């Protein structure tokens, strides 16, 4: 098993590699007859597209969506949806000198130790893999929207700074270096009752979904790591009635208690490491000679991944929430606003 799929009832399987012919996604679990906006799918994909500004990779990929199956005359047909885009601007020659020299910070070393080879451009570990995630998440977002659930993300920090993000990124780029940061994702309108008490906790699945994104090194829900510095009287969210509904006055829990959504906004934050590909000289080992070597990574790379990370993180939150919504309906533990035909997506 290669771990290329995520979700149970709403399931995405991504495919393709950075320097292959195409990348994309197969989506299972979308109901038949749903009017899907391809323009909205394209807008979501454009948000993560390279070449869109000075702070991101200058690889020129138009990323135009091609529908292979599952959508007929703008509506889902109930079968698997296959969406893909063609890779048009891969410069494999940029990696000619790296085939036997694993790049520090990349998956090269671990891939070599597991598979016995290094794939140009990073293979499945490349950021191009996230094209499929964004497409799957874009479909999930449209299905969630009819349930009143919306998802929005933003950059909180870059290199520890809350302001001046572009300047900080461009300064790192000028030094042929890179910076990391923090991204926040908020889901509004999430109904209570999603998630299970033990191993299928909603926050546990959100953490797995977000940690599965390359470059993510930490996840927190609600107050997260800062809760370790709080008193119980500070962290506990007082329970109140708002318009006849049980809610909490504060939201340190991030919308999830005991692994189950409580009706408050679901709040996730992710720590994003600095881009591994930098122009500065670094130490590595030549795998042919097994001797120390120096390496400079050429090519077109993001000096900071955070700007393009936002739609990817939103997508993984959307897929997780929709999957749990379908699961709650099947188990009878979720209240439906539109479940008229007795199936999860009706």
C-alpha atoms as a PDB file:
ATOM      1  CA  UNK A   1       0.000   0.000   0.000  1.00  0.00           C
ATOM      2  CA  UNK A   2       1.377   3.377  -1.051  1.00  0.00           C
ATOM      3  CA  UNK A   3      -0.909   5.646   0.966  1.00  0.00           C
ATOM      4  CA  UNK A   4      -2.164   7.588  -2.049  1.00  0.00           C
ATOM      5  CA  UNK A   5      -5.785   7.828  -0.813  1.00  0.00           C
ATOM      6  CA  UNK A   6      -7.481   9.718   2.012  1.00  0.00           C
ATOM      7  CA  UNK A   7     -11.019   9.482   3.401  1.00  0.00           C
ATOM      8  CA  UNK A   8     -13.604   6.748   3.835  1.00  0.00           C
ATOM      9  CA  UNK A   9     -16.988   7.779   2.379  1.00  0.00           C
ATOM     10  CA  UNK A  10     -15.682  10.875   0.612  1.00  0.00           C
ATOM     11  CA  UNK A  11     -12.332   9.720  -0.682  1.00  0.00           C
ATOM     12  CA  UNK A  12      -9.592  11.289  -2.772  1.00  0.00           C
ATOM     13  CA  UNK A  13      -6.719   9.501  -4.514  1.00  0.00           C
ATOM     14  CA  UNK A  14      -4.010  11.701  -6.001  1.00  0.00           C
ATOM     15  CA  UNK A  15      -1.770  10.604  -8.860  1.00  0.00           C
ATOM     16  CA  UNK A  16       1.144  11.848 -10.935  1.00  0.00           C
ATOM     17  CA  UNK A  17       4.608  13.254 -10.316  1.00  0.00           C
ATOM     18  CA  UNK A  18       6.349  16.581 -10.719  1.00  0.00           C
ATOM     19  CA  UNK A  19       8.084  15.680 -13.987  1.00  0.00           C
ATOM     20  CA  UNK A  20       5.515  13.208 -15.288  1.00  0.00           C
ATOM     21  CA  UNK A  21       2.925  13.877 -17.975  1.00  0.00           C
ATOM     22  CA  UNK A  22      -0.042  14.734 -15.725  1.00  0.00           C
ATOM     23  CA  UNK A  23      -1.072  15.188 -12.088  1.00  0.00           C
ATOM     24  CA  UNK A  24      -4.581  14.946 -10.705  1.00  0.00           C
ATOM     25  CA  UNK A  25      -7.138  13.240  -8.497  1.00  0.00           C
ATOM     26  CA  UNK A  26      -9.829  10.565  -8.435  1.00  0.00           C
ATOM     27  CA  UNK A  27     -12.751  11.524  -6.200  1.00  0.00           C
ATOM     28  CA  UNK A  28     -15.187   8.974  -4.803  1.00  0.00           C
ATOM     29  CA  UNK A  29     -18.316   9.715  -2.784  1.00  0.00           C
ATOM     30  CA  UNK A  30     -19.797  12.691  -4.610  1.00  0.00           C
ATOM     31  CA  UNK A  31     -23.553  12.170  -5.085  1.00  0.00           C
ATOM     32  CA  UNK A  32     -25.151  11.969  -8.522  1.00  0.00           C
ATOM     33  CA  UNK A  33     -26.900  14.995  -9.950  1.00  0.00           C
ATOM     34  CA  UNK A  34     -24.889  17.637  -8.099  1.00  0.00           C
ATOM     35  CA  UNK A  35     -24.254  20.749 -10.206  1.00  0.00           C
ATOM     36  CA  UNK A  36     -20.532  21.296  -9.993  1.00  0.00           C
ATOM     37  CA  UNK A  37     -18.976  24.624 -11.003  1.00  0.00           C
ATOM     38  CA  UNK A  38     -15.861  23.937 -13.059  1.00  0.00           C
ATOM     39  CA  UNK A  39     -15.072  27.662 -12.958  1.00  0.00           C
ATOM     40  CA  UNK A  40     -14.910  27.477  -9.177  1.00  0.00           C
ATOM     41  CA  UNK A  41     -12.649  24.426  -9.364  1.00  0.00           C
ATOM     42  CA  UNK A  42     -10.329  26.362 -11.682  1.00  0.00           C
ATOM     43  CA  UNK A  43     -10.310  29.378  -9.351  1.00  0.00           C
ATOM     44  CA  UNK A  44      -9.242  27.185  -6.443  1.00  0.00           C
ATOM     45  CA  UNK A  45      -6.470  25.638  -8.522  1.00  0.00           C
ATOM     46  CA  UNK A  46      -5.295  29.068  -9.685  1.00  0.00           C
ATOM     47  CA  UNK A  47      -4.722  30.013  -6.035  1.00  0.00           C
ATOM     48  CA  UNK A  48      -1.937  27.412  -5.731  1.00  0.00           C
ATOM     49  CA  UNK A  49      -0.559  27.831  -9.251  1.00  0.00           C
ATOM     50  CA  UNK A  50       3.168  28.664  -9.592  1.00  0.00           C
ATOM     51  CA  UNK A  51       4.344  31.677 -11.570  1.00  0.00           C
ATOM     52  CA  UNK A  52       1.696  33.957 -10.083  1.00  0.00           C
ATOM     53  CA  UNK A  53       3.986  36.485  -8.381  1.00  0.00           C
ATOM     54  CA  UNK A  54       7.510  37.323  -7.154  1.00  0.00           C
ATOM     55  CA  UNK A  55       7.146  35.471  -3.846  1.00  0.00           C
ATOM     56  CA  UNK A  56       6.430  32.055  -5.399  1.00  0.00           C
ATOM     57  CA  UNK A  57       8.097  29.632  -7.828  1.00  0.00           C
ATOM     58  CA  UNK A  58       8.418  30.999 -11.360  1.00  0.00           C
ATOM     59  CA  UNK A  59       7.633  27.633 -12.948  1.00  0.00           C
ATOM     60  CA  UNK A  60       5.026  28.505 -15.601  1.00  0.00           C
ATOM     61  CA  UNK A  61       2.184  26.015 -15.324  1.00  0.00           C
ATOM     62  CA  UNK A  62      -1.250  27.086 -16.643  1.00  0.00           C
ATOM     63  CA  UNK A  63      -2.866  24.187 -14.726  1.00  0.00           C
ATOM     64  CA  UNK A  64      -5.995  23.988 -16.881  1.00  0.00           C
ATOM     65  CA  UNK A  65      -8.364  21.301 -15.582  1.00  0.00           C
ATOM     66  CA  UNK A  66      -9.382  18.417 -17.801  1.00  0.00           C
ATOM     67  CA  UNK A  67     -12.429  16.385 -16.768  1.00  0.00           C
ATOM     68  CA  UNK A  68     -11.790  12.723 -17.579  1.00  0.00           C
ATOM     69  CA  UNK A  69     -14.866  11.152 -15.984  1.00  0.00           C
ATOM     70  CA  UNK A  70     -17.652  11.585 -13.441  1.00  0.00           C
ATOM     71  CA  UNK A  71     -19.111  14.877 -14.695  1.00  0.00           C
ATOM     72  CA  UNK A  72     -21.625  15.077 -17.541  1.00  0.00           C
ATOM     73  CA  UNK A  73     -23.097  18.396 -18.710  1.00  0.00           C
ATOM     74  CA  UNK A  74     -21.915  20.097 -15.544  1.00  0.00           C
ATOM     75  CA  UNK A  75     -23.411  17.547 -13.140  1.00  0.00           C
ATOM     76  CA  UNK A  76     -21.898  14.627 -11.268  1.00  0.00           C
ATOM     77  CA  UNK A  77     -23.014  11.211 -12.535  1.00  0.00           C
ATOM     78  CA  UNK A  78     -22.437   9.311  -9.269  1.00  0.00           C
ATOM     79  CA  UNK A  79     -19.278   7.555 -10.455  1.00  0.00           C
ATOM     80  CA  UNK A  80     -15.670   8.375  -9.610  1.00  0.00           C
ATOM     81  CA  UNK A  81     -14.662  11.851 -10.723  1.00  0.00           C
ATOM     82  CA  UNK A  82     -11.272  12.018 -12.416  1.00  0.00           C
ATOM     83  CA  UNK A  83      -9.675  15.433 -12.861  1.00  0.00           C
ATOM     84  CA  UNK A  84      -6.184  16.127 -14.143  1.00  0.00           C
ATOM     85  CA  UNK A  85      -3.864  18.828 -15.445  1.00  0.00           C
ATOM     86  CA  UNK A  86      -0.866  18.494 -17.724  1.00  0.00           C
ATOM     87  CA  UNK A  87       2.688  19.312 -16.642  1.00  0.00           C
ATOM     88  CA  UNK A  88       3.989  21.701 -19.293  1.00  0.00           C
ATOM     89  CA  UNK A  89       7.040  23.437 -17.786  1.00  0.00           C
ATOM     90  CA  UNK A  90       9.145  20.771 -16.072  1.00  0.00           C
ATOM     91  CA  UNK A  91      12.896  21.376 -16.400  1.00  0.00           C
ATOM     92  CA  UNK A  92      14.295  17.934 -15.611  1.00  0.00           C
ATOM     93  CA  UNK A  93      17.788  19.068 -16.623  1.00  0.00           C
ATOM     94  CA  UNK A  94      17.883  21.216 -13.477  1.00  0.00           C
ATOM     95  CA  UNK A  95      18.170  17.946 -11.544  1.00  0.00           C
ATOM     96  CA  UNK A  96      20.838  16.204 -13.645  1.00  0.00           C
ATOM     97  CA  UNK A  97      23.539  16.768 -11.054  1.00  0.00           C
ATOM     98  CA  UNK A  98      21.353  15.690  -8.137  1.00  0.00           C
ATOM     99  CA  UNK A  99      20.531  12.098  -9.083  1.00  0.00           C
ATOM    100  CA  UNK A 100      23.211  10.764  -6.743  1.00  0.00           C
ATOM    101  CA  UNK A 101      23.286  13.672  -4.285  1.00  0.00           C
ATOM    102  CA  UNK A 102      20.288  13.837  -1.925  1.00  0.00           C
ATOM    103  CA  UNK A 103      19.166  17.388  -1.254  1.00  0.00           C
ATOM    104  CA  UNK A 104      19.216  18.354   2.454  1.00  0.00           C
ATOM    105  CA  UNK A 105      15.708  18.868   3.832  1.00  0.00           C
ATOM    106  CA  UNK A 106      14.046  17.003   0.955  1.00  0.00           C
ATOM    107  CA  UNK A 107      12.647  13.476   0.897  1.00  0.00           C
ATOM    108  CA  UNK A 108      15.553  12.380  -1.346  1.00  0.00           C
ATOM    109  CA  UNK A 109      17.497  10.615   1.403  1.00  0.00           C
ATOM    110  CA  UNK A 110      14.479   8.792   2.817  1.00  0.00           C
ATOM    111  CA  UNK A 111      13.313   7.808  -0.693  1.00  0.00           C
ATOM    112  CA  UNK A 112      16.766   6.427  -1.483  1.00  0.00           C
ATOM    113  CA  UNK A 113      16.816   4.444   1.753  1.00  0.00           C
ATOM    114  CA  UNK A 114      13.340   3.030   1.067  1.00  0.00           C
ATOM    115  CA  UNK A 115      13.255   2.654  -2.730  1.00  0.00           C
ATOM    116  CA  UNK A 116      16.915   2.674  -3.742  1.00  0.00           C
ATOM    117  CA  UNK A 117      16.586   5.687  -6.035  1.00  0.00           C
ATOM    118  CA  UNK A 118      16.118   9.462  -6.174  1.00  0.00           C
ATOM    119  CA  UNK A 119      13.392  10.748  -8.499  1.00  0.00           C
ATOM    120  CA  UNK A 120      14.061  14.047 -10.355  1.00  0.00           C
ATOM    121  CA  UNK A 121      11.904  16.834  -8.987  1.00  0.00           C
ATOM    122  CA  UNK A 122      10.992  14.862  -5.891  1.00  0.00           C
ATOM    123  CA  UNK A 123       8.474  12.526  -7.521  1.00  0.00           C
ATOM    124  CA  UNK A 124       5.437  12.022  -5.292  1.00  0.00           C
ATOM    125  CA  UNK A 125       7.071  14.178  -2.622  1.00  0.00           C
ATOM    126  CA  UNK A 126       6.942  17.203  -4.935  1.00  0.00           C
ATOM    127  CA  UNK A 127       4.568  20.079  -4.341  1.00  0.00           C
ATOM    128  CA  UNK A 128       2.979  19.277  -7.725  1.00  0.00           C
ATOM    129  CA  UNK A 129       1.191  16.403  -5.967  1.00  0.00           C
ATOM    130  CA  UNK A 130      -0.964  18.989  -4.182  1.00  0.00           C
ATOM    131  CA  UNK A 131      -2.780  19.800  -7.445  1.00  0.00           C
ATOM    132  CA  UNK A 132      -4.919  16.711  -6.813  1.00  0.00           C
ATOM    133  CA  UNK A 133      -5.555  17.695  -3.204  1.00  0.00           C
ATOM    134  CA  UNK A 134      -6.771  21.154  -4.188  1.00  0.00           C
ATOM    135  CA  UNK A 135      -9.107  19.715  -6.835  1.00  0.00           C
ATOM    136  CA  UNK A 136     -10.542  17.176  -4.382  1.00  0.00           C
ATOM    137  CA  UNK A 137     -10.941  19.880  -1.767  1.00  0.00           C
ATOM    138  CA  UNK A 138     -12.620  22.204  -4.266  1.00  0.00           C
ATOM    139  CA  UNK A 139     -15.299  19.579  -4.934  1.00  0.00           C
ATOM    140  CA  UNK A 140     -15.700  19.039  -1.184  1.00  0.00           C
ATOM    141  CA  UNK A 141     -16.050  22.796  -0.638  1.00  0.00           C
ATOM    142  CA  UNK A 142     -18.940  23.036  -3.081  1.00  0.00           C
ATOM    143  CA  UNK A 143     -20.717  20.125  -1.404  1.00  0.00           C
ATOM    144  CA  UNK A 144     -20.101  21.649   2.032  1.00  0.00           C
ATOM    145  CA  UNK A 145     -21.341  25.068   0.914  1.00  0.00           C
ATOM    146  CA  UNK A 146     -24.864  23.736   0.363  1.00  0.00           C
ATOM    147  CA  UNK A 147     -24.723  22.570   3.998  1.00  0.00           C
ATOM    148  CA  UNK A 148     -23.783  26.062   5.164  1.00  0.00           C
ATOM    149  CA  UNK A 149     -20.130  25.186   5.849  1.00  0.00           C
ATOM    150  CA  UNK A 150     -17.437  27.573   4.617  1.00  0.00           C
ATOM    151  CA  UNK A 151     -13.655  27.266   4.916  1.00  0.00           C
ATOM    152  CA  UNK A 152     -11.113  30.074   4.803  1.00  0.00           C
ATOM    153  CA  UNK A 153      -7.359  30.124   5.373  1.00  0.00           C
ATOM    154  CA  UNK A 154      -4.697  32.780   5.737  1.00  0.00           C
ATOM    155  CA  UNK A 155      -1.020  33.251   6.514  1.00  0.00           C
ATOM    156  CA  UNK A 156      -0.538  34.157  10.164  1.00  0.00           C
ATOM    157  CA  UNK A 157       3.234  34.397  10.305  1.00  0.00           C
ATOM    158  CA  UNK A 158       6.265  34.334   8.048  1.00  0.00           C
ATOM    159  CA  UNK A 159       9.622  33.730   9.733  1.00  0.00           C
ATOM    160  CA  UNK A 160       8.016  34.576  13.094  1.00  0.00           C
ATOM    161  CA  UNK A 161       6.608  37.913  11.901  1.00  0.00           C
ATOM    162  CA  UNK A 162       2.914  38.792  11.780  1.00  0.00           C
ATOM    163  CA  UNK A 163       3.310  41.643   9.292  1.00  0.00           C
ATOM    164  CA  UNK A 164       5.477  42.517   6.280  1.00  0.00           C
ATOM    165  CA  UNK A 165       5.199  39.016   4.814  1.00  0.00           C
ATOM    166  CA  UNK A 166       6.110  39.892   1.237  1.00  0.00           C
ATOM    167  CA  UNK A 167       9.143  41.908   2.267  1.00  0.00           C
ATOM    168  CA  UNK A 168      10.378  39.068   4.483  1.00  0.00           C
ATOM    169  CA  UNK A 169       9.967  36.516   1.671  1.00  0.00           C
ATOM    170  CA  UNK A 170      11.719  38.710  -0.911  1.00  0.00           C
ATOM    171  CA  UNK A 171      14.621  39.344   1.473  1.00  0.00           C
ATOM    172  CA  UNK A 172      15.118  35.590   1.866  1.00  0.00           C
ATOM    173  CA  UNK A 173      14.880  35.143  -1.915  1.00  0.00           C
ATOM    174  CA  UNK A 174      17.570  37.767  -2.484  1.00  0.00           C
ATOM    175  CA  UNK A 175      19.891  35.768  -0.214  1.00  0.00           C
ATOM    176  CA  UNK A 176      19.091  32.532  -2.106  1.00  0.00           C
ATOM    177  CA  UNK A 177      17.566  31.287   1.138  1.00  0.00           C
ATOM    178  CA  UNK A 178      14.024  30.510   2.286  1.00  0.00           C
ATOM    179  CA  UNK A 179      11.652  31.050   5.209  1.00  0.00           C
ATOM    180  CA  UNK A 180       8.798  29.159   6.833  1.00  0.00           C
ATOM    181  CA  UNK A 181       5.674  30.332   8.610  1.00  0.00           C
ATOM    182  CA  UNK A 182       2.284  29.550  10.042  1.00  0.00           C
ATOM    183  CA  UNK A 183      -1.081  29.147   8.273  1.00  0.00           C
ATOM    184  CA  UNK A 184      -4.526  29.191   9.914  1.00  0.00           C
ATOM    185  CA  UNK A 185      -7.671  27.506   8.572  1.00  0.00           C
ATOM    186  CA  UNK A 186     -11.136  28.259   9.965  1.00  0.00           C
ATOM    187  CA  UNK A 187     -14.279  26.295   9.102  1.00  0.00           C
ATOM    188  CA  UNK A 188     -17.561  28.094   9.892  1.00  0.00           C
ATOM    189  CA  UNK A 189     -20.969  26.435  10.111  1.00  0.00           C
ATOM    190  CA  UNK A 190     -19.670  22.977  11.057  1.00  0.00           C
ATOM    191  CA  UNK A 191     -22.593  21.129  12.711  1.00  0.00           C
ATOM    192  CA  UNK A 192     -22.141  19.455  16.086  1.00  0.00           C
ATOM    193  CA  UNK A 193     -21.704  15.702  16.186  1.00  0.00           C
ATOM    194  CA  UNK A 194     -18.947  15.076  13.614  1.00  0.00           C
ATOM    195  CA  UNK A 195     -16.216  12.696  14.748  1.00  0.00           C
ATOM    196  CA  UNK A 196     -16.036   9.622  16.954  1.00  0.00           C
ATOM    197  CA  UNK A 197     -14.858   9.387  20.580  1.00  0.00           C
ATOM    198  CA  UNK A 198     -11.694   7.256  20.292  1.00  0.00           C
ATOM    199  CA  UNK A 199      -9.557   6.535  17.210  1.00  0.00           C
ATOM    200  CA  UNK A 200     -11.682   8.410  14.663  1.00  0.00           C
ATOM    201  CA  UNK A 201     -11.698  11.739  16.453  1.00  0.00           C
ATOM    202  CA  UNK A 202     -12.375  14.686  14.138  1.00  0.00           C
ATOM    203  CA  UNK A 203      -9.294  16.543  15.364  1.00  0.00           C
ATOM    204  CA  UNK A 204      -7.142  13.436  14.952  1.00  0.00           C
ATOM    205  CA  UNK A 205      -8.229  13.058  11.325  1.00  0.00           C
ATOM    206  CA  UNK A 206      -7.716  16.780  10.694  1.00  0.00           C
ATOM    207  CA  UNK A 207      -4.211  16.483  12.123  1.00  0.00           C
ATOM    208  CA  UNK A 208      -3.454  13.518   9.855  1.00  0.00           C
ATOM    209  CA  UNK A 209      -4.889  15.311   6.817  1.00  0.00           C
ATOM    210  CA  UNK A 210      -2.808  18.425   7.435  1.00  0.00           C
ATOM    211  CA  UNK A 211       0.364  16.586   8.431  1.00  0.00           C
ATOM    212  CA  UNK A 212       0.142  14.610   5.190  1.00  0.00           C
ATOM    213  CA  UNK A 213       0.951  17.800   3.272  1.00  0.00           C
ATOM    214  CA  UNK A 214       4.638  18.121   2.435  1.00  0.00           C
ATOM    215  CA  UNK A 215       6.488  20.814   4.485  1.00  0.00           C
ATOM    216  CA  UNK A 216       3.973  20.744   7.358  1.00  0.00           C
ATOM    217  CA  UNK A 217       5.825  20.006  10.603  1.00  0.00           C
ATOM    218  CA  UNK A 218       3.190  20.759  13.224  1.00  0.00           C
ATOM    219  CA  UNK A 219      -0.596  21.020  13.694  1.00  0.00           C
ATOM    220  CA  UNK A 220      -2.636  22.603  16.454  1.00  0.00           C
ATOM    221  CA  UNK A 221      -6.374  22.776  17.060  1.00  0.00           C
ATOM    222  CA  UNK A 222      -7.855  25.779  18.852  1.00  0.00           C
ATOM    223  CA  UNK A 223      -5.445  27.148  21.453  1.00  0.00           C
ATOM    224  CA  UNK A 224      -3.117  24.267  20.594  1.00  0.00           C
ATOM    225  CA  UNK A 225       0.364  24.412  22.076  1.00  0.00           C
ATOM    226  CA  UNK A 226      -0.404  27.605  24.006  1.00  0.00           C
ATOM    227  CA  UNK A 227      -2.882  25.596  26.112  1.00  0.00           C
ATOM    228  CA  UNK A 228       0.104  24.030  27.879  1.00  0.00           C
ATOM    229  CA  UNK A 229       0.829  27.468  29.358  1.00  0.00           C
ATOM    230  CA  UNK A 230      -2.745  28.154  30.516  1.00  0.00           C
ATOM    231  CA  UNK A 231      -4.670  27.464  33.713  1.00  0.00           C
ATOM    232  CA  UNK A 232      -7.773  25.277  33.533  1.00  0.00           C
ATOM    233  CA  UNK A 233      -9.899  28.281  34.433  1.00  0.00           C
ATOM    234  CA  UNK A 234      -8.424  30.111  31.424  1.00  0.00           C
ATOM    235  CA  UNK A 235      -8.646  27.272  28.929  1.00  0.00           C
ATOM    236  CA  UNK A 236     -12.121  25.907  29.678  1.00  0.00           C
ATOM    237  CA  UNK A 237     -14.715  27.454  27.362  1.00  0.00           C
ATOM    238  CA  UNK A 238     -17.821  28.617  29.302  1.00  0.00           C
ATOM    239  CA  UNK A 239     -21.020  27.083  27.882  1.00  0.00           C
ATOM    240  CA  UNK A 240     -23.756  29.526  26.884  1.00  0.00           C
ATOM    241  CA  UNK A 241     -27.006  29.707  24.927  1.00  0.00           C
ATOM    242  CA  UNK A 242     -26.915  31.698  21.685  1.00  0.00           C
ATOM    243  CA  UNK A 243     -30.228  32.045  19.880  1.00  0.00           C
ATOM    244  CA  UNK A 244     -31.426  28.887  21.582  1.00  0.00           C
ATOM    245  CA  UNK A 245     -28.334  26.858  20.641  1.00  0.00           C
ATOM    246  CA  UNK A 246     -25.671  25.483  22.968  1.00  0.00           C
ATOM    247  CA  UNK A 247     -22.393  27.212  22.240  1.00  0.00           C
ATOM    248  CA  UNK A 248     -19.272  28.340  24.121  1.00  0.00           C
ATOM    249  CA  UNK A 249     -18.277  31.900  25.015  1.00  0.00           C
ATOM    250  CA  UNK A 250     -14.667  31.329  23.960  1.00  0.00           C
ATOM    251  CA  UNK A 251     -13.216  28.739  21.593  1.00  0.00           C
ATOM    252  CA  UNK A 252      -9.967  27.414  23.003  1.00  0.00           C
ATOM    253  CA  UNK A 253     -11.182  23.940  22.040  1.00  0.00           C
ATOM    254  CA  UNK A 254     -11.173  24.967  18.374  1.00  0.00           C
ATOM    255  CA  UNK A 255     -14.699  23.681  17.810  1.00  0.00           C
ATOM    256  CA  UNK A 256     -13.923  20.110  18.905  1.00  0.00           C
ATOM    257  CA  UNK A 257     -14.462  18.450  22.318  1.00  0.00           C
ATOM    258  CA  UNK A 258     -13.681  14.794  22.950  1.00  0.00           C
ATOM    259  CA  UNK A 259     -12.947  14.372  19.255  1.00  0.00           C
ATOM    260  CA  UNK A 260     -16.462  15.554  18.292  1.00  0.00           C
ATOM    261  CA  UNK A 261     -17.465  18.906  16.780  1.00  0.00           C
ATOM    262  CA  UNK A 262     -19.471  21.108  19.143  1.00  0.00           C
ATOM    263  CA  UNK A 263     -20.982  23.638  16.730  1.00  0.00           C
ATOM    264  CA  UNK A 264     -18.292  26.296  17.141  1.00  0.00           C
ATOM    265  CA  UNK A 265     -15.907  27.244  14.319  1.00  0.00           C
ATOM    266  CA  UNK A 266     -13.261  24.583  13.738  1.00  0.00           C
ATOM    267  CA  UNK A 267      -9.851  26.241  13.938  1.00  0.00           C
ATOM    268  CA  UNK A 268      -6.601  24.615  12.775  1.00  0.00           C
ATOM    269  CA  UNK A 269      -3.088  26.019  12.447  1.00  0.00           C
ATOM    270  CA  UNK A 270      -0.095  24.467  10.751  1.00  0.00           C
ATOM    271  CA  UNK A 271       3.627  25.087  11.064  1.00  0.00           C
ATOM    272  CA  UNK A 272       5.234  25.187   7.607  1.00  0.00           C
ATOM    273  CA  UNK A 273       8.981  24.627   7.365  1.00  0.00           C
ATOM    274  CA  UNK A 274      11.266  26.753   5.163  1.00  0.00           C
ATOM    275  CA  UNK A 275      11.469  25.577   1.554  1.00  0.00           C
ATOM    276  CA  UNK A 276      14.168  22.903   1.334  1.00  0.00           C
ATOM    277  CA  UNK A 277      15.422  23.941  -2.141  1.00  0.00           C
ATOM    278  CA  UNK A 278      17.788  26.881  -1.703  1.00  0.00           C
ATOM    279  CA  UNK A 279      20.604  28.296  -3.801  1.00  0.00           C
ATOM    280  CA  UNK A 280      23.167  28.285  -0.986  1.00  0.00           C
ATOM    281  CA  UNK A 281      25.827  25.584  -0.918  1.00  0.00           C
ATOM    282  CA  UNK A 282      25.048  22.707   1.449  1.00  0.00           C
ATOM    283  CA  UNK A 283      26.661  19.486   2.614  1.00  0.00           C
ATOM    284  CA  UNK A 284      25.513  16.093   1.345  1.00  0.00           C
ATOM    285  CA  UNK A 285      26.942  12.704   0.339  1.00  0.00           C
ATOM    286  CA  UNK A 286      27.595  11.426  -3.189  1.00  0.00           C
ATOM    287  CA  UNK A 287      25.780   8.086  -3.230  1.00  0.00           C
ATOM    288  CA  UNK A 288      27.983   6.736  -6.037  1.00  0.00           C
ATOM    289  CA  UNK A 289      31.264   7.303  -4.231  1.00  0.00           C
ATOM    290  CA  UNK A 290      29.862   7.410  -0.690  1.00  0.00           C
ATOM    291  CA  UNK A 291      32.040  10.440  -0.008  1.00  0.00           C
ATOM    292  CA  UNK A 292      31.114  13.898   1.327  1.00  0.00           C
ATOM    293  CA  UNK A 293      29.986  16.340  -1.360  1.00  0.00           C
ATOM    294  CA  UNK A 294      28.702  19.865  -1.807  1.00  0.00           C
ATOM    295  CA  UNK A 295      25.425  20.746  -3.480  1.00  0.00           C
ATOM    296  CA  UNK A 296      23.641  23.828  -4.836  1.00  0.00           C
ATOM    297  CA  UNK A 297      20.019  23.372  -5.841  1.00  0.00           C
ATOM    298  CA  UNK A 298      19.204  25.014  -9.158  1.00  0.00           C
ATOM    299  CA  UNK A 299      15.743  25.509 -10.622  1.00  0.00           C
ATOM    300  CA  UNK A 300      12.672  27.564  -9.782  1.00  0.00           C
ATOM    301  CA  UNK A 301      11.534  27.224  -6.197  1.00  0.00           C
ATOM    302  CA  UNK A 302       9.335  29.044  -3.707  1.00  0.00           C
ATOM    303  CA  UNK A 303      11.324  31.143  -1.213  1.00  0.00           C
ATOM    304  CA  UNK A 304       8.347  30.526   1.107  1.00  0.00           C
ATOM    305  CA  UNK A 305       5.702  27.845   0.697  1.00  0.00           C
ATOM    306  CA  UNK A 306       3.096  29.542   2.897  1.00  0.00           C
ATOM    307  CA  UNK A 307       1.272  31.599   0.206  1.00  0.00           C
ATOM    308  CA  UNK A 308       0.527  28.502  -1.898  1.00  0.00           C
ATOM    309  CA  UNK A 309      -0.001  26.347   1.184  1.00  0.00           C
ATOM    310  CA  UNK A 310      -3.250  28.143   2.096  1.00  0.00           C
ATOM    311  CA  UNK A 311      -5.519  26.564  -0.588  1.00  0.00           C
ATOM    312  CA  UNK A 312      -3.898  23.152  -0.036  1.00  0.00           C
ATOM    313  CA  UNK A 313      -4.595  23.256   3.697  1.00  0.00           C
ATOM    314  CA  UNK A 314      -8.152  24.463   3.096  1.00  0.00           C
ATOM    315  CA  UNK A 315      -8.644  21.540   0.729  1.00  0.00           C
ATOM    316  CA  UNK A 316      -7.544  18.921   3.254  1.00  0.00           C
ATOM    317  CA  UNK A 317      -9.807  20.409   5.926  1.00  0.00           C
ATOM    318  CA  UNK A 318     -12.716  20.378   3.463  1.00  0.00           C
ATOM    319  CA  UNK A 319     -12.159  16.730   2.493  1.00  0.00           C
ATOM    320  CA  UNK A 320     -11.954  15.696   6.159  1.00  0.00           C
ATOM    321  CA  UNK A 321     -15.095  17.576   7.203  1.00  0.00           C
ATOM    322  CA  UNK A 322     -17.172  16.286   4.293  1.00  0.00           C
ATOM    323  CA  UNK A 323     -16.012  12.724   4.891  1.00  0.00           C
ATOM    324  CA  UNK A 324     -17.027  12.992   8.554  1.00  0.00           C
ATOM    325  CA  UNK A 325     -20.360  14.557   7.613  1.00  0.00           C
ATOM    326  CA  UNK A 326     -21.137  11.601   5.333  1.00  0.00           C
ATOM    327  CA  UNK A 327     -20.016   9.157   8.054  1.00  0.00           C
ATOM    328  CA  UNK A 328     -22.204  10.851  10.679  1.00  0.00           C
ATOM    329  CA  UNK A 329     -25.252  10.532   8.432  1.00  0.00           C
ATOM    330  CA  UNK A 330     -24.628   6.863   7.695  1.00  0.00           C
ATOM    331  CA  UNK A 331     -24.263   6.109  11.415  1.00  0.00           C
ATOM    332  CA  UNK A 332     -27.357   8.156  12.264  1.00  0.00           C
ATOM    333  CA  UNK A 333     -25.365  10.493  14.520  1.00  0.00           C
ATOM    334  CA  UNK A 334     -25.433  13.534  12.265  1.00  0.00           C
ATOM    335  CA  UNK A 335     -28.296  15.936  11.611  1.00  0.00           C
ATOM    336  CA  UNK A 336     -28.841  16.630   7.919  1.00  0.00           C
ATOM    337  CA  UNK A 337     -30.062  19.850   6.358  1.00  0.00           C
ATOM    338  CA  UNK A 338     -30.645  18.271   2.953  1.00  0.00           C
ATOM    339  CA  UNK A 339     -30.716  14.495   3.369  1.00  0.00           C
ATOM    340  CA  UNK A 340     -33.959  13.874   1.474  1.00  0.00           C
ATOM    341  CA  UNK A 341     -33.199  10.593  -0.277  1.00  0.00           C
ATOM    342  CA  UNK A 342     -31.647   8.621   2.534  1.00  0.00           C
ATOM    343  CA  UNK A 343     -28.048   8.758   1.259  1.00  0.00           C
ATOM    344  CA  UNK A 344     -25.155  10.902   2.492  1.00  0.00           C
ATOM    345  CA  UNK A 345     -25.054  13.279  -0.430  1.00  0.00           C
ATOM    346  CA  UNK A 346     -28.733  13.535  -1.332  1.00  0.00           C
END
